[in-house]
Amino acid sequence: MVDGRGRPLAAVITGGQRNDGAMLAQVLAEIHVPRTGGGRARSRPEAVIADRAYATGVIRTDLRRRRISAVIPEKRDQIAARARRGSRGGRPPAFDAQAYRGRNVVERYFALAKQWRGLATRYDKLAITYRAALTLCAILTWLRT
């Protein structure tokens, strides 16, 4: 997870075949952004901007429960299913197209991290070694800004 300027806030290492959406709650729990003046660190983002893979009801419900705005487009099959049901299909979830334009920041950070050959190819056998490389990449990203 990155902030609006492409700086990493949290990362969770999973198995190679694990679904990203299943780990969203754990990634959100890892966020701690210290305040500059003082006070408790922020742990809740204003919004989560994600692609269609995160458009499940479970994820939307979890974000709503945490009072986090979900900027996630609907899947085409969900739109078609709601249209088939007619008036019983319910309202579509809110979607802010202007805010969704900021999703490229996440993709640009992934492109930056993949410039590290070890991160892109996942040669490391141990998760702790891979996490160390990811943490080092995150530190260097924070130092650049």
C-alpha atoms as a PDB file:
ATOM      1  CA  MET A   1       0.000   0.000   0.000  1.00  0.00           C
ATOM      2  CA  VAL A   2       1.328   3.417  -0.939  1.00  0.00           C
ATOM      3  CA  ASP A   3       0.235   6.948  -0.146  1.00  0.00           C
ATOM      4  CA  GLY A   4      -0.833   9.566  -2.686  1.00  0.00           C
ATOM      5  CA  ARG A   5       2.783  10.434  -3.481  1.00  0.00           C
ATOM      6  CA  GLY A   6       3.893   6.854  -4.181  1.00  0.00           C
ATOM      7  CA  ARG A   7       5.643   6.279  -0.857  1.00  0.00           C
ATOM      8  CA  PRO A   8       5.072   2.823   0.630  1.00  0.00           C
ATOM      9  CA  LEU A   9       3.073   2.649   3.849  1.00  0.00           C
ATOM     10  CA  ALA A  10       2.673  -1.084   4.413  1.00  0.00           C
ATOM     11  CA  ALA A  11       3.581  -4.408   2.839  1.00  0.00           C
ATOM     12  CA  VAL A  12       2.631  -7.976   3.637  1.00  0.00           C
ATOM     13  CA  ILE A  13       4.547 -10.939   2.210  1.00  0.00           C
ATOM     14  CA  THR A  14       2.380 -13.911   1.237  1.00  0.00           C
ATOM     15  CA  GLY A  15       2.727 -17.179  -0.583  1.00  0.00           C
ATOM     16  CA  GLY A  16       3.086 -16.999  -4.339  1.00  0.00           C
ATOM     17  CA  GLN A  17      -0.445 -18.184  -5.126  1.00  0.00           C
ATOM     18  CA  ARG A  18      -2.254 -16.130  -2.453  1.00  0.00           C
ATOM     19  CA  ASN A  19      -4.988 -13.718  -3.521  1.00  0.00           C
ATOM     20  CA  ASP A  20      -4.181 -10.047  -2.862  1.00  0.00           C
ATOM     21  CA  GLY A  21      -7.731  -9.213  -1.836  1.00  0.00           C
ATOM     22  CA  ALA A  22      -7.660 -11.726   0.999  1.00  0.00           C
ATOM     23  CA  MET A  23      -4.748  -9.843   2.566  1.00  0.00           C
ATOM     24  CA  LEU A  24      -6.226  -6.325   2.365  1.00  0.00           C
ATOM     25  CA  ALA A  25      -7.352  -6.315   6.010  1.00  0.00           C
ATOM     26  CA  GLN A  26      -3.870  -7.317   7.155  1.00  0.00           C
ATOM     27  CA  VAL A  27      -2.258  -4.618   4.994  1.00  0.00           C
ATOM     28  CA  LEU A  28      -4.626  -1.988   6.402  1.00  0.00           C
ATOM     29  CA  ALA A  29      -3.728  -3.111   9.923  1.00  0.00           C
ATOM     30  CA  GLU A  30      -0.024  -2.501   9.151  1.00  0.00           C
ATOM     31  CA  ILE A  31      -0.478   1.201   8.333  1.00  0.00           C
ATOM     32  CA  HIS A  32       1.029   3.633  10.855  1.00  0.00           C
ATOM     33  CA  VAL A  33       1.775   7.152   9.644  1.00  0.00           C
ATOM     34  CA  PRO A  34       3.330   9.351  12.338  1.00  0.00           C
ATOM     35  CA  ARG A  35       2.115  12.929  12.635  1.00  0.00           C
ATOM     36  CA  THR A  36       4.657  15.711  12.276  1.00  0.00           C
ATOM     37  CA  GLY A  37       3.502  17.876  15.189  1.00  0.00           C
ATOM     38  CA  GLY A  38       2.667  15.198  17.688  1.00  0.00           C
ATOM     39  CA  GLY A  39      -0.225  13.006  18.597  1.00  0.00           C
ATOM     40  CA  ARG A  40      -1.203   9.490  17.768  1.00  0.00           C
ATOM     41  CA  ALA A  41      -0.100   8.016  14.439  1.00  0.00           C
ATOM     42  CA  ARG A  42      -2.717   7.743  11.693  1.00  0.00           C
ATOM     43  CA  SER A  43      -3.762   4.204  10.980  1.00  0.00           C
ATOM     44  CA  ARG A  44      -6.768   4.735   8.713  1.00  0.00           C
ATOM     45  CA  PRO A  45      -6.510   6.076   5.160  1.00  0.00           C
ATOM     46  CA  GLU A  46      -9.194   8.373   3.782  1.00  0.00           C
ATOM     47  CA  ALA A  47      -9.753   6.165   0.739  1.00  0.00           C
ATOM     48  CA  VAL A  48      -8.566   2.924  -0.816  1.00  0.00           C
ATOM     49  CA  ILE A  49      -8.091   3.133  -4.569  1.00  0.00           C
ATOM     50  CA  ALA A  50      -7.930  -0.321  -6.135  1.00  0.00           C
ATOM     51  CA  ASP A  51      -8.668  -2.116  -9.381  1.00  0.00           C
ATOM     52  CA  ARG A  52     -11.584  -4.405 -10.201  1.00  0.00           C
ATOM     53  CA  ALA A  53      -9.980  -7.402  -8.502  1.00  0.00           C
ATOM     54  CA  TYR A  54     -10.898  -5.808  -5.162  1.00  0.00           C
ATOM     55  CA  ALA A  55     -14.571  -5.254  -6.098  1.00  0.00           C
ATOM     56  CA  THR A  56     -15.962  -7.977  -3.841  1.00  0.00           C
ATOM     57  CA  GLY A  57     -18.719  -7.460  -1.340  1.00  0.00           C
ATOM     58  CA  VAL A  58     -16.506  -8.636   1.507  1.00  0.00           C
ATOM     59  CA  ILE A  59     -13.871  -5.995   0.795  1.00  0.00           C
ATOM     60  CA  ARG A  60     -16.437  -3.220   0.332  1.00  0.00           C
ATOM     61  CA  THR A  61     -18.165  -4.194   3.590  1.00  0.00           C
ATOM     62  CA  ASP A  62     -14.864  -4.260   5.475  1.00  0.00           C
ATOM     63  CA  LEU A  63     -13.896  -0.816   4.159  1.00  0.00           C
ATOM     64  CA  ARG A  64     -17.329   0.573   4.995  1.00  0.00           C
ATOM     65  CA  ARG A  65     -17.051  -0.836   8.536  1.00  0.00           C
ATOM     66  CA  ARG A  66     -13.686   0.898   8.941  1.00  0.00           C
ATOM     67  CA  ARG A  67     -15.169   4.170   7.540  1.00  0.00           C
ATOM     68  CA  ILE A  68     -12.787   4.130   4.568  1.00  0.00           C
ATOM     69  CA  SER A  69     -14.012   5.336   1.204  1.00  0.00           C
ATOM     70  CA  ALA A  70     -13.739   2.625  -1.481  1.00  0.00           C
ATOM     71  CA  VAL A  71     -12.759   3.889  -4.941  1.00  0.00           C
ATOM     72  CA  ILE A  72     -13.105   0.602  -6.785  1.00  0.00           C
ATOM     73  CA  PRO A  73     -14.853   0.161 -10.152  1.00  0.00           C
ATOM     74  CA  GLU A  74     -17.422  -2.588 -10.443  1.00  0.00           C
ATOM     75  CA  LYS A  75     -16.758  -5.777 -12.362  1.00  0.00           C
ATOM     76  CA  ARG A  76     -18.654  -6.136 -15.621  1.00  0.00           C
ATOM     77  CA  ASP A  77     -20.391  -9.312 -14.503  1.00  0.00           C
ATOM     78  CA  GLN A  78     -21.630  -7.570 -11.327  1.00  0.00           C
ATOM     79  CA  ILE A  79     -23.059  -4.736 -13.432  1.00  0.00           C
ATOM     80  CA  ALA A  80     -24.785  -7.246 -15.733  1.00  0.00           C
ATOM     81  CA  ALA A  81     -26.178  -9.245 -12.792  1.00  0.00           C
ATOM     82  CA  ARG A  82     -27.618  -6.102 -11.222  1.00  0.00           C
ATOM     83  CA  ALA A  83     -29.170  -5.097 -14.566  1.00  0.00           C
ATOM     84  CA  ARG A  84     -30.738  -8.563 -14.957  1.00  0.00           C
ATOM     85  CA  ARG A  85     -32.385  -8.257 -11.551  1.00  0.00           C
ATOM     86  CA  GLY A  86     -33.904  -4.926 -12.529  1.00  0.00           C
ATOM     87  CA  SER A  87     -35.232  -2.852  -9.635  1.00  0.00           C
ATOM     88  CA  ARG A  88     -34.329  -5.658  -7.196  1.00  0.00           C
ATOM     89  CA  GLY A  89     -30.668  -5.388  -8.232  1.00  0.00           C
ATOM     90  CA  GLY A  90     -30.063  -2.453  -5.936  1.00  0.00           C
ATOM     91  CA  ARG A  91     -28.015   0.667  -6.438  1.00  0.00           C
ATOM     92  CA  PRO A  92     -24.482   0.527  -7.766  1.00  0.00           C
ATOM     93  CA  PRO A  93     -21.762   1.375  -5.236  1.00  0.00           C
ATOM     94  CA  ALA A  94     -20.456   4.923  -5.303  1.00  0.00           C
ATOM     95  CA  PHE A  95     -17.472   5.454  -7.581  1.00  0.00           C
ATOM     96  CA  ASP A  96     -15.338   8.596  -7.840  1.00  0.00           C
ATOM     97  CA  ALA A  97     -13.800   8.561 -11.325  1.00  0.00           C
ATOM     98  CA  GLN A  98     -11.648  11.608 -10.568  1.00  0.00           C
ATOM     99  CA  ALA A  99     -10.078   9.951  -7.516  1.00  0.00           C
ATOM    100  CA  TYR A 100      -9.584   6.704  -9.466  1.00  0.00           C
ATOM    101  CA  ARG A 101      -7.115   8.508 -11.727  1.00  0.00           C
ATOM    102  CA  GLY A 102      -4.688   8.404  -8.790  1.00  0.00           C
ATOM    103  CA  ARG A 103      -4.382   4.614  -9.030  1.00  0.00           C
ATOM    104  CA  ASN A 104      -1.444   4.988 -11.412  1.00  0.00           C
ATOM    105  CA  VAL A 105       0.660   6.022  -8.404  1.00  0.00           C
ATOM    106  CA  VAL A 106       0.454   2.460  -7.091  1.00  0.00           C
ATOM    107  CA  GLU A 107       1.377   0.996 -10.472  1.00  0.00           C
ATOM    108  CA  ARG A 108       4.346   3.357 -10.747  1.00  0.00           C
ATOM    109  CA  TYR A 109       5.625   2.213  -7.342  1.00  0.00           C
ATOM    110  CA  PHE A 110       5.347  -1.428  -8.438  1.00  0.00           C
ATOM    111  CA  ALA A 111       7.342  -0.558 -11.564  1.00  0.00           C
ATOM    112  CA  LEU A 112       9.967   1.136  -9.372  1.00  0.00           C
ATOM    113  CA  ALA A 113      10.191  -1.852  -7.022  1.00  0.00           C
ATOM    114  CA  LYS A 114      10.484  -4.268  -9.951  1.00  0.00           C
ATOM    115  CA  GLN A 115      13.622  -2.493 -11.091  1.00  0.00           C
ATOM    116  CA  TRP A 116      15.245  -4.420  -8.268  1.00  0.00           C
ATOM    117  CA  ARG A 117      15.990  -7.742  -9.905  1.00  0.00           C
ATOM    118  CA  GLY A 118      15.588  -9.729  -6.685  1.00  0.00           C
ATOM    119  CA  LEU A 119      12.123  -8.293  -6.103  1.00  0.00           C
ATOM    120  CA  ALA A 120      10.975  -8.750  -9.679  1.00  0.00           C
ATOM    121  CA  THR A 121      12.089 -12.368 -10.019  1.00  0.00           C
ATOM    122  CA  ARG A 122      11.631 -13.554  -6.411  1.00  0.00           C
ATOM    123  CA  TYR A 123      14.869 -15.546  -6.366  1.00  0.00           C
ATOM    124  CA  ASP A 124      14.962 -15.494  -2.569  1.00  0.00           C
ATOM    125  CA  LYS A 125      13.666 -18.681  -1.015  1.00  0.00           C
ATOM    126  CA  LEU A 126      13.053 -17.194   2.437  1.00  0.00           C
ATOM    127  CA  ALA A 127      10.235 -14.719   2.995  1.00  0.00           C
ATOM    128  CA  ILE A 128      12.325 -12.801   5.539  1.00  0.00           C
ATOM    129  CA  THR A 129      15.026 -12.129   2.941  1.00  0.00           C
ATOM    130  CA  TYR A 130      12.449 -10.986   0.408  1.00  0.00           C
ATOM    131  CA  ARG A 131      10.823  -8.727   3.013  1.00  0.00           C
ATOM    132  CA  ALA A 132      14.219  -7.227   3.852  1.00  0.00           C
ATOM    133  CA  ALA A 133      14.763  -6.304   0.192  1.00  0.00           C
ATOM    134  CA  LEU A 134      11.260  -4.846  -0.004  1.00  0.00           C
ATOM    135  CA  THR A 135      11.876  -2.815   3.178  1.00  0.00           C
ATOM    136  CA  LEU A 136      15.176  -1.524   1.822  1.00  0.00           C
ATOM    137  CA  CYS A 137      13.453  -0.496  -1.418  1.00  0.00           C
ATOM    138  CA  ALA A 138      10.765   1.286   0.627  1.00  0.00           C
ATOM    139  CA  ILE A 139      13.355   3.141   2.711  1.00  0.00           C
ATOM    140  CA  LEU A 140      15.171   4.327  -0.389  1.00  0.00           C
ATOM    141  CA  THR A 141      11.867   5.469  -1.882  1.00  0.00           C
ATOM    142  CA  TRP A 142      11.087   7.518   1.227  1.00  0.00           C
ATOM    143  CA  LEU A 143      14.573   9.037   1.191  1.00  0.00           C
ATOM    144  CA  ARG A 144      14.153  10.207  -2.429  1.00  0.00           C
ATOM    145  CA  THR A 145      11.100  12.320  -1.583  1.00  0.00           C
END
